[in-house]
Amino acid sequence: MTMTTVVACPEPEERSQAEVDERESERGLATAEYAIATLGAAAFAGALMAILKGGDVKAMLTSLIQSALSTG
C-alpha cells in the first residue's frame, strides 16, 4: 500500500509593480535600524563608562557598597 501526501500550496498573490517596488525599496531598512540602535547603545555605554570612571561617582559607589556589606 502506497501513501501519498498532498500539500496544498496557495497561489502567489498578485501584486502590482508599484507594491513590489515599494517592498524592494524598504528591504534594507531593518538592518539600518539595527545598526543605528547598536551605535546608540554603544554611545550610551561609552558615556556611562566615562561617568562611572569619574572620582566622585566611584567614591559614592564604593561607600554605598561598603555600607551595604557592613550592615548585616
C-alpha atoms as a PDB file:
ATOM      1  CA  MET A   1       0.000   0.000   0.000  1.00  0.00           C
ATOM      2  CA  THR A   2       1.442   3.352  -1.034  1.00  0.00           C
ATOM      3  CA  MET A   3       0.617   6.556   0.829  1.00  0.00           C
ATOM      4  CA  THR A   4       0.719   9.873  -0.918  1.00  0.00           C
ATOM      5  CA  THR A   5       0.988  13.167   0.903  1.00  0.00           C
ATOM      6  CA  VAL A   6      -0.575  16.148  -0.758  1.00  0.00           C
ATOM      7  CA  VAL A   7       0.404  19.628   0.342  1.00  0.00           C
ATOM      8  CA  ALA A   8      -1.842  22.494  -0.604  1.00  0.00           C
ATOM      9  CA  CYS A   9       0.231  25.463  -1.726  1.00  0.00           C
ATOM     10  CA  PRO A  10      -1.593  28.735  -2.071  1.00  0.00           C
ATOM     11  CA  GLU A  11      -1.211  30.600  -5.312  1.00  0.00           C
ATOM     12  CA  PRO A  12       1.201  33.527  -5.105  1.00  0.00           C
ATOM     13  CA  GLU A  13      -0.512  36.824  -4.531  1.00  0.00           C
ATOM     14  CA  GLU A  14      -0.754  39.060  -7.490  1.00  0.00           C
ATOM     15  CA  ARG A  15       0.837  42.378  -6.650  1.00  0.00           C
ATOM     16  CA  SER A  16       1.168  45.463  -8.744  1.00  0.00           C
ATOM     17  CA  GLN A  17       4.606  46.611  -9.827  1.00  0.00           C
ATOM     18  CA  ALA A  18       4.298  49.651  -7.506  1.00  0.00           C
ATOM     19  CA  GLU A  19       3.787  47.351  -4.488  1.00  0.00           C
ATOM     20  CA  VAL A  20       6.771  45.220  -5.483  1.00  0.00           C
ATOM     21  CA  ASP A  21       8.957  48.316  -5.977  1.00  0.00           C
ATOM     22  CA  GLU A  22       7.894  49.697  -2.566  1.00  0.00           C
ATOM     23  CA  ARG A  23       8.814  46.460  -0.789  1.00  0.00           C
ATOM     24  CA  GLU A  24      12.159  46.309  -2.603  1.00  0.00           C
ATOM     25  CA  SER A  25      12.999  49.891  -1.613  1.00  0.00           C
ATOM     26  CA  GLU A  26      12.389  49.073   2.083  1.00  0.00           C
ATOM     27  CA  ARG A  27      14.412  45.864   2.084  1.00  0.00           C
ATOM     28  CA  GLY A  28      17.469  47.211   3.959  1.00  0.00           C
ATOM     29  CA  LEU A  29      15.587  49.363   6.456  1.00  0.00           C
ATOM     30  CA  ALA A  30      15.519  46.782   9.243  1.00  0.00           C
ATOM     31  CA  THR A  31      19.280  46.305   9.011  1.00  0.00           C
ATOM     32  CA  ALA A  32      19.847  50.069   9.094  1.00  0.00           C
ATOM     33  CA  GLU A  33      17.567  50.405  12.116  1.00  0.00           C
ATOM     34  CA  TYR A  34      19.508  47.693  13.967  1.00  0.00           C
ATOM     35  CA  ALA A  35      22.789  49.407  13.092  1.00  0.00           C
ATOM     36  CA  ILE A  36      21.561  52.760  14.425  1.00  0.00           C
ATOM     37  CA  ALA A  37      20.255  51.151  17.614  1.00  0.00           C
ATOM     38  CA  THR A  38      23.580  49.349  18.111  1.00  0.00           C
ATOM     39  CA  LEU A  39      25.532  52.570  17.645  1.00  0.00           C
ATOM     40  CA  GLY A  40      23.229  54.333  20.111  1.00  0.00           C
ATOM     41  CA  ALA A  41      23.709  51.590  22.684  1.00  0.00           C
ATOM     42  CA  ALA A  42      27.488  51.722  22.250  1.00  0.00           C
ATOM     43  CA  ALA A  43      27.491  55.511  22.652  1.00  0.00           C
ATOM     44  CA  PHE A  44      25.360  55.226  25.787  1.00  0.00           C
ATOM     45  CA  ALA A  45      27.688  52.575  27.211  1.00  0.00           C
ATOM     46  CA  GLY A  46      30.693  54.788  26.482  1.00  0.00           C
ATOM     47  CA  ALA A  47      29.079  57.775  28.203  1.00  0.00           C
ATOM     48  CA  LEU A  48      28.140  55.606  31.176  1.00  0.00           C
ATOM     49  CA  MET A  49      31.694  54.290  31.455  1.00  0.00           C
ATOM     50  CA  ALA A  50      33.064  57.841  31.381  1.00  0.00           C
ATOM     51  CA  ILE A  51      30.680  58.871  34.161  1.00  0.00           C
ATOM     52  CA  LEU A  52      31.402  55.821  36.294  1.00  0.00           C
ATOM     53  CA  LYS A  53      35.167  56.247  35.983  1.00  0.00           C
ATOM     54  CA  GLY A  54      34.914  59.748  37.497  1.00  0.00           C
ATOM     55  CA  GLY A  55      36.302  60.070  41.030  1.00  0.00           C
ATOM     56  CA  ASP A  56      33.113  61.367  42.657  1.00  0.00           C
ATOM     57  CA  VAL A  57      30.893  58.610  41.320  1.00  0.00           C
ATOM     58  CA  LYS A  58      33.464  55.948  42.103  1.00  0.00           C
ATOM     59  CA  ALA A  59      33.770  57.149  45.724  1.00  0.00           C
ATOM     60  CA  MET A  60      29.986  57.292  46.106  1.00  0.00           C
ATOM     61  CA  LEU A  61      29.524  53.756  44.755  1.00  0.00           C
ATOM     62  CA  THR A  62      32.364  52.427  46.905  1.00  0.00           C
ATOM     63  CA  SER A  63      30.881  53.919  50.072  1.00  0.00           C
ATOM     64  CA  LEU A  64      27.430  52.628  49.126  1.00  0.00           C
ATOM     65  CA  ILE A  65      28.733  49.084  48.633  1.00  0.00           C
ATOM     66  CA  GLN A  66      30.791  49.201  51.833  1.00  0.00           C
ATOM     67  CA  SER A  67      27.809  50.391  53.872  1.00  0.00           C
ATOM     68  CA  ALA A  68      25.590  47.719  52.320  1.00  0.00           C
ATOM     69  CA  LEU A  69      28.099  44.978  53.122  1.00  0.00           C
ATOM     70  CA  SER A  70      28.796  46.171  56.646  1.00  0.00           C
ATOM     71  CA  THR A  71      25.112  46.335  57.607  1.00  0.00           C
ATOM     72  CA  GLY A  72      24.225  42.813  58.239  1.00  0.00           C
END
